[in-house]
Amino acid sequence: MVAVLLAGQAARVAEADRRQAALLATVSHDLRAPLAAAKAAVSRLRAGDARLTTDDRADLLAAAEESLDRLAHLAASLLDVSRCCGHPARAARGYGRPGGTRRIRAA
């Protein structure tokens, strides 16, 4: 009986670990994409390429700003999730309940 209970618990822990690893992989990718785009735009601006027109510079700045805005939204969403999932007292105040959930912003 004890062995069956332990096996069930081990299976639940393994599944939780698998889900955590999948979430981490997704979050890592979602954070890297806008960061790489912003870095590329800023690097091109800093390179001092004399062939860049004023419009080119404006486009690069807009691309960097858009990417950084997306990154900020992702970071805010992650903080919202960590607050609701990491603190039982906060969960009791409405996080994670129907009608009391906070909407996580999609970037």
N, C-alpha and C. Protein backbone atom coordinates (compact mmCIF):
# COMPACT_ATOMS: atom_id res chain seq x y z
N MET A 1 0.81 -1.19 0.00
CA MET A 1 0.00 0.00 0.00
C MET A 1 0.86 1.27 0.00
N VAL A 2 1.87 1.26 0.87
CA VAL A 2 2.77 2.42 0.95
C VAL A 2 3.52 2.58 -0.36
N ALA A 3 3.93 1.48 -0.96
CA ALA A 3 4.67 1.55 -2.22
C ALA A 3 3.81 2.15 -3.32
N VAL A 4 2.53 1.83 -3.34
CA VAL A 4 1.62 2.39 -4.34
C VAL A 4 1.46 3.89 -4.13
N LEU A 5 1.32 4.31 -2.89
CA LEU A 5 1.20 5.74 -2.59
C LEU A 5 2.47 6.50 -2.98
N LEU A 6 3.61 5.92 -2.68
CA LEU A 6 4.88 6.56 -3.04
C LEU A 6 5.07 6.63 -4.55
N ALA A 7 4.66 5.57 -5.24
CA ALA A 7 4.77 5.57 -6.70
C ALA A 7 3.88 6.65 -7.30
N GLY A 8 2.68 6.80 -6.75
CA GLY A 8 1.77 7.85 -7.23
C GLY A 8 2.33 9.23 -6.97
N GLN A 9 2.91 9.41 -5.80
CA GLN A 9 3.50 10.70 -5.46
C GLN A 9 4.70 10.99 -6.36
N ALA A 10 5.51 9.99 -6.62
CA ALA A 10 6.67 10.16 -7.50
C ALA A 10 6.22 10.54 -8.91
N ALA A 11 5.14 9.93 -9.39
CA ALA A 11 4.63 10.24 -10.72
C ALA A 11 4.13 11.69 -10.77
N ARG A 12 3.46 12.14 -9.71
CA ARG A 12 3.00 13.54 -9.68
C ARG A 12 4.16 14.52 -9.64
N VAL A 13 5.18 14.20 -8.90
CA VAL A 13 6.37 15.06 -8.83
C VAL A 13 7.06 15.10 -10.20
N ALA A 14 7.18 13.97 -10.85
CA ALA A 14 7.81 13.91 -12.17
C ALA A 14 7.02 14.74 -13.18
N GLU A 15 5.70 14.65 -13.12
CA GLU A 15 4.85 15.43 -14.03
C GLU A 15 4.99 16.93 -13.74
N ALA A 16 5.04 17.30 -12.49
CA ALA A 16 5.23 18.71 -12.14
C ALA A 16 6.58 19.21 -12.64
N ASP A 17 7.61 18.39 -12.50
CA ASP A 17 8.94 18.76 -13.00
C ASP A 17 8.93 18.93 -14.52
N ARG A 18 8.22 18.03 -15.22
CA ARG A 18 8.14 18.12 -16.67
C ARG A 18 7.43 19.40 -17.09
N ARG A 19 6.33 19.71 -16.41
CA ARG A 19 5.60 20.94 -16.74
C ARG A 19 6.42 22.18 -16.45
N GLN A 20 7.15 22.17 -15.35
CA GLN A 20 8.00 23.31 -15.00
C GLN A 20 9.08 23.51 -16.05
N ALA A 21 9.69 22.42 -16.50
CA ALA A 21 10.73 22.51 -17.53
C ALA A 21 10.15 23.04 -18.84
N ALA A 22 8.96 22.59 -19.21
CA ALA A 22 8.32 23.08 -20.44
C ALA A 22 7.98 24.56 -20.33
N LEU A 23 7.48 24.98 -19.18
CA LEU A 23 7.17 26.39 -18.97
C LEU A 23 8.43 27.25 -19.04
N LEU A 24 9.49 26.79 -18.41
CA LEU A 24 10.75 27.53 -18.43
C LEU A 24 11.29 27.67 -19.85
N ALA A 25 11.19 26.61 -20.64
CA ALA A 25 11.65 26.67 -22.03
C ALA A 25 10.84 27.69 -22.83
N THR A 26 9.53 27.69 -22.63
CA THR A 26 8.66 28.64 -23.34
C THR A 26 8.95 30.07 -22.92
N VAL A 27 9.05 30.29 -21.62
CA VAL A 27 9.32 31.63 -21.11
C VAL A 27 10.69 32.12 -21.60
N SER A 28 11.67 31.24 -21.59
CA SER A 28 13.01 31.63 -22.06
C SER A 28 12.97 32.10 -23.50
N HIS A 29 12.26 31.35 -24.34
CA HIS A 29 12.14 31.74 -25.75
C HIS A 29 11.40 33.06 -25.89
N ASP A 30 10.29 33.20 -25.16
CA ASP A 30 9.49 34.42 -25.26
C ASP A 30 10.25 35.65 -24.77
N LEU A 31 11.17 35.47 -23.86
CA LEU A 31 11.98 36.60 -23.40
C LEU A 31 13.13 36.90 -24.35
N ARG A 32 13.72 35.85 -24.92
CA ARG A 32 14.87 36.06 -25.81
C ARG A 32 14.52 36.77 -27.10
N ALA A 33 13.35 36.46 -27.67
CA ALA A 33 12.99 37.03 -28.98
C ALA A 33 12.94 38.56 -28.96
N PRO A 34 12.18 39.20 -28.07
CA PRO A 34 12.18 40.67 -28.10
C PRO A 34 13.50 41.27 -27.64
N LEU A 35 14.21 40.60 -26.76
CA LEU A 35 15.50 41.10 -26.32
C LEU A 35 16.49 41.10 -27.47
N ALA A 36 16.50 40.03 -28.25
CA ALA A 36 17.41 39.96 -29.41
C ALA A 36 17.07 41.02 -30.45
N ALA A 37 15.77 41.24 -30.69
CA ALA A 37 15.37 42.25 -31.67
C ALA A 37 15.77 43.65 -31.23
N ALA A 38 15.56 43.96 -29.96
CA ALA A 38 15.95 45.28 -29.45
C ALA A 38 17.46 45.46 -29.50
N LYS A 39 18.19 44.43 -29.11
CA LYS A 39 19.66 44.52 -29.14
C LYS A 39 20.16 44.73 -30.56
N ALA A 40 19.59 44.02 -31.52
CA ALA A 40 20.02 44.17 -32.92
C ALA A 40 19.77 45.59 -33.41
N ALA A 41 18.60 46.15 -33.08
CA ALA A 41 18.29 47.51 -33.52
C ALA A 41 19.24 48.52 -32.89
N VAL A 42 19.48 48.40 -31.60
CA VAL A 42 20.37 49.34 -30.91
C VAL A 42 21.81 49.17 -31.41
N SER A 43 22.24 47.95 -31.63
CA SER A 43 23.60 47.71 -32.13
C SER A 43 23.80 48.35 -33.49
N ARG A 44 22.79 48.24 -34.34
CA ARG A 44 22.91 48.85 -35.68
C ARG A 44 22.98 50.36 -35.56
N LEU A 45 22.21 50.93 -34.64
CA LEU A 45 22.25 52.38 -34.45
C LEU A 45 23.62 52.83 -33.91
N ARG A 46 24.16 52.06 -33.00
CA ARG A 46 25.45 52.42 -32.40
C ARG A 46 26.62 52.21 -33.35
N ALA A 47 26.44 51.40 -34.37
CA ALA A 47 27.54 51.11 -35.30
C ALA A 47 27.98 52.35 -36.06
N GLY A 48 27.13 53.37 -36.09
CA GLY A 48 27.51 54.60 -36.76
C GLY A 48 27.53 54.49 -38.27
N ASP A 49 26.68 53.66 -38.80
CA ASP A 49 26.59 53.48 -40.25
C ASP A 49 26.10 54.78 -40.89
N ALA A 50 26.95 55.41 -41.66
CA ALA A 50 26.62 56.69 -42.29
C ALA A 50 25.53 56.54 -43.35
N ARG A 51 25.30 55.31 -43.81
CA ARG A 51 24.29 55.09 -44.84
C ARG A 51 22.86 55.07 -44.28
N LEU A 52 22.73 55.06 -42.96
CA LEU A 52 21.39 55.06 -42.36
C LEU A 52 20.76 56.44 -42.53
N THR A 53 19.58 56.44 -43.09
CA THR A 53 18.85 57.70 -43.24
C THR A 53 18.13 58.00 -41.93
N THR A 54 17.57 59.18 -41.86
CA THR A 54 16.77 59.56 -40.70
C THR A 54 15.60 58.60 -40.53
N ASP A 55 14.99 58.22 -41.64
CA ASP A 55 13.87 57.27 -41.58
C ASP A 55 14.34 55.89 -41.10
N ASP A 56 15.54 55.47 -41.55
CA ASP A 56 16.09 54.19 -41.09
C ASP A 56 16.30 54.21 -39.58
N ARG A 57 16.85 55.31 -39.10
CA ARG A 57 17.08 55.44 -37.66
C ARG A 57 15.76 55.43 -36.88
N ALA A 58 14.78 56.13 -37.41
CA ALA A 58 13.46 56.15 -36.76
C ALA A 58 12.85 54.75 -36.73
N ASP A 59 13.00 54.00 -37.82
CA ASP A 59 12.48 52.63 -37.87
C ASP A 59 13.18 51.73 -36.86
N LEU A 60 14.49 51.87 -36.76
CA LEU A 60 15.24 51.06 -35.80
C LEU A 60 14.85 51.40 -34.36
N LEU A 61 14.69 52.68 -34.08
CA LEU A 61 14.26 53.09 -32.74
C LEU A 61 12.85 52.57 -32.43
N ALA A 62 11.97 52.62 -33.42
CA ALA A 62 10.60 52.11 -33.22
C ALA A 62 10.62 50.60 -32.98
N ALA A 63 11.46 49.89 -33.71
CA ALA A 63 11.57 48.43 -33.53
C ALA A 63 12.11 48.11 -32.14
N ALA A 64 13.11 48.85 -31.70
CA ALA A 64 13.66 48.63 -30.36
C ALA A 64 12.61 48.93 -29.30
N GLU A 65 11.89 50.04 -29.46
CA GLU A 65 10.86 50.40 -28.48
C GLU A 65 9.76 49.34 -28.42
N GLU A 66 9.31 48.88 -29.57
CA GLU A 66 8.26 47.85 -29.62
C GLU A 66 8.73 46.57 -28.93
N SER A 67 9.95 46.17 -29.21
CA SER A 67 10.50 44.95 -28.60
C SER A 67 10.64 45.11 -27.09
N LEU A 68 11.09 46.26 -26.65
CA LEU A 68 11.24 46.49 -25.21
C LEU A 68 9.88 46.59 -24.52
N ASP A 69 8.89 47.14 -25.20
CA ASP A 69 7.53 47.16 -24.64
C ASP A 69 7.02 45.73 -24.47
N ARG A 70 7.26 44.88 -25.47
CA ARG A 70 6.83 43.49 -25.38
C ARG A 70 7.54 42.79 -24.21
N LEU A 71 8.82 43.05 -24.09
CA LEU A 71 9.59 42.46 -22.99
C LEU A 71 9.05 42.94 -21.64
N ALA A 72 8.70 44.20 -21.53
CA ALA A 72 8.15 44.73 -20.28
C ALA A 72 6.81 44.07 -19.95
N HIS A 73 5.97 43.87 -20.96
CA HIS A 73 4.68 43.19 -20.74
C HIS A 73 4.89 41.75 -20.28
N LEU A 74 5.84 41.07 -20.90
CA LEU A 74 6.13 39.68 -20.49
C LEU A 74 6.63 39.64 -19.05
N ALA A 75 7.52 40.56 -18.71
CA ALA A 75 8.05 40.59 -17.34
C ALA A 75 6.93 40.88 -16.34
N ALA A 76 6.03 41.80 -16.67
CA ALA A 76 4.92 42.11 -15.77
C ALA A 76 4.00 40.90 -15.61
N SER A 77 3.76 40.19 -16.70
CA SER A 77 2.92 39.00 -16.62
C SER A 77 3.57 37.92 -15.77
N LEU A 78 4.86 37.74 -15.93
CA LEU A 78 5.57 36.76 -15.11
C LEU A 78 5.51 37.13 -13.63
N LEU A 79 5.65 38.41 -13.34
CA LEU A 79 5.55 38.85 -11.95
C LEU A 79 4.15 38.61 -11.39
N ASP A 80 3.13 38.85 -12.21
CA ASP A 80 1.76 38.57 -11.78
C ASP A 80 1.59 37.09 -11.45
N VAL A 81 2.10 36.23 -12.32
CA VAL A 81 1.99 34.79 -12.10
C VAL A 81 2.75 34.39 -10.85
N SER A 82 3.95 34.91 -10.68
CA SER A 82 4.75 34.53 -9.51
C SER A 82 4.08 35.00 -8.22
N ARG A 83 3.43 36.14 -8.26
CA ARG A 83 2.73 36.64 -7.07
C ARG A 83 1.56 35.74 -6.71
N CYS A 84 0.79 35.33 -7.70
CA CYS A 84 -0.39 34.53 -7.38
C CYS A 84 -0.01 33.09 -7.05
N CYS A 85 1.01 32.57 -7.66
CA CYS A 85 1.37 31.16 -7.45
C CYS A 85 2.33 30.97 -6.28
N GLY A 86 3.05 31.99 -5.93
CA GLY A 86 4.07 31.84 -4.90
C GLY A 86 3.63 32.18 -3.50
N HIS A 87 2.45 32.77 -3.35
CA HIS A 87 2.02 33.23 -2.04
C HIS A 87 0.58 32.81 -1.78
N PRO A 88 0.36 31.79 -0.93
CA PRO A 88 -1.00 31.34 -0.64
C PRO A 88 -1.91 32.45 -0.12
N ALA A 89 -1.37 33.40 0.62
CA ALA A 89 -2.20 34.48 1.15
C ALA A 89 -2.75 35.34 0.02
N ARG A 90 -1.96 35.57 -1.00
CA ARG A 90 -2.44 36.35 -2.14
C ARG A 90 -3.47 35.56 -2.93
N ALA A 91 -3.27 34.26 -3.04
CA ALA A 91 -4.24 33.43 -3.75
C ALA A 91 -5.59 33.50 -3.05
N ALA A 92 -5.58 33.58 -1.73
CA ALA A 92 -6.83 33.66 -0.97
C ALA A 92 -7.55 34.98 -1.20
N ARG A 93 -6.84 36.00 -1.67
CA ARG A 93 -7.45 37.31 -1.91
C ARG A 93 -8.03 37.44 -3.31
N GLY A 94 -8.08 36.35 -4.06
CA GLY A 94 -8.75 36.44 -5.35
C GLY A 94 -7.95 35.97 -6.53
N TYR A 95 -6.66 35.81 -6.39
CA TYR A 95 -5.87 35.33 -7.51
C TYR A 95 -6.23 33.86 -7.75
N GLY A 96 -6.40 33.52 -9.00
CA GLY A 96 -6.62 32.13 -9.33
C GLY A 96 -8.03 31.63 -9.10
N ARG A 97 -8.96 32.53 -8.80
CA ARG A 97 -10.35 32.14 -8.59
C ARG A 97 -11.21 32.72 -9.71
N PRO A 98 -12.25 31.97 -10.12
CA PRO A 98 -13.17 32.54 -11.11
C PRO A 98 -13.74 33.86 -10.59
N GLY A 99 -13.73 34.86 -11.43
CA GLY A 99 -14.25 36.16 -11.03
C GLY A 99 -13.23 37.00 -10.27
N GLY A 100 -12.16 36.39 -9.80
CA GLY A 100 -11.17 37.12 -9.04
C GLY A 100 -9.80 37.07 -9.67
N THR A 101 -9.71 36.47 -10.83
CA THR A 101 -8.41 36.33 -11.48
C THR A 101 -8.00 37.64 -12.12
N ARG A 102 -6.72 37.84 -12.18
CA ARG A 102 -6.17 38.99 -12.90
C ARG A 102 -5.82 38.50 -14.29
N ARG A 103 -6.15 39.26 -15.27
CA ARG A 103 -5.86 38.87 -16.64
C ARG A 103 -4.39 39.12 -16.93
N ILE A 104 -3.74 38.09 -17.41
CA ILE A 104 -2.33 38.22 -17.78
C ILE A 104 -2.27 38.77 -19.18
N ARG A 105 -1.55 39.85 -19.34
CA ARG A 105 -1.47 40.52 -20.63
C ARG A 105 -0.71 39.68 -21.63
N ALA A 106 -1.28 39.51 -22.78
CA ALA A 106 -0.57 38.84 -23.87
C ALA A 106 0.24 39.87 -24.61
N ALA A 107 1.46 39.54 -24.88
CA ALA A 107 2.32 40.50 -25.58
C ALA A 107 2.37 40.18 -27.04
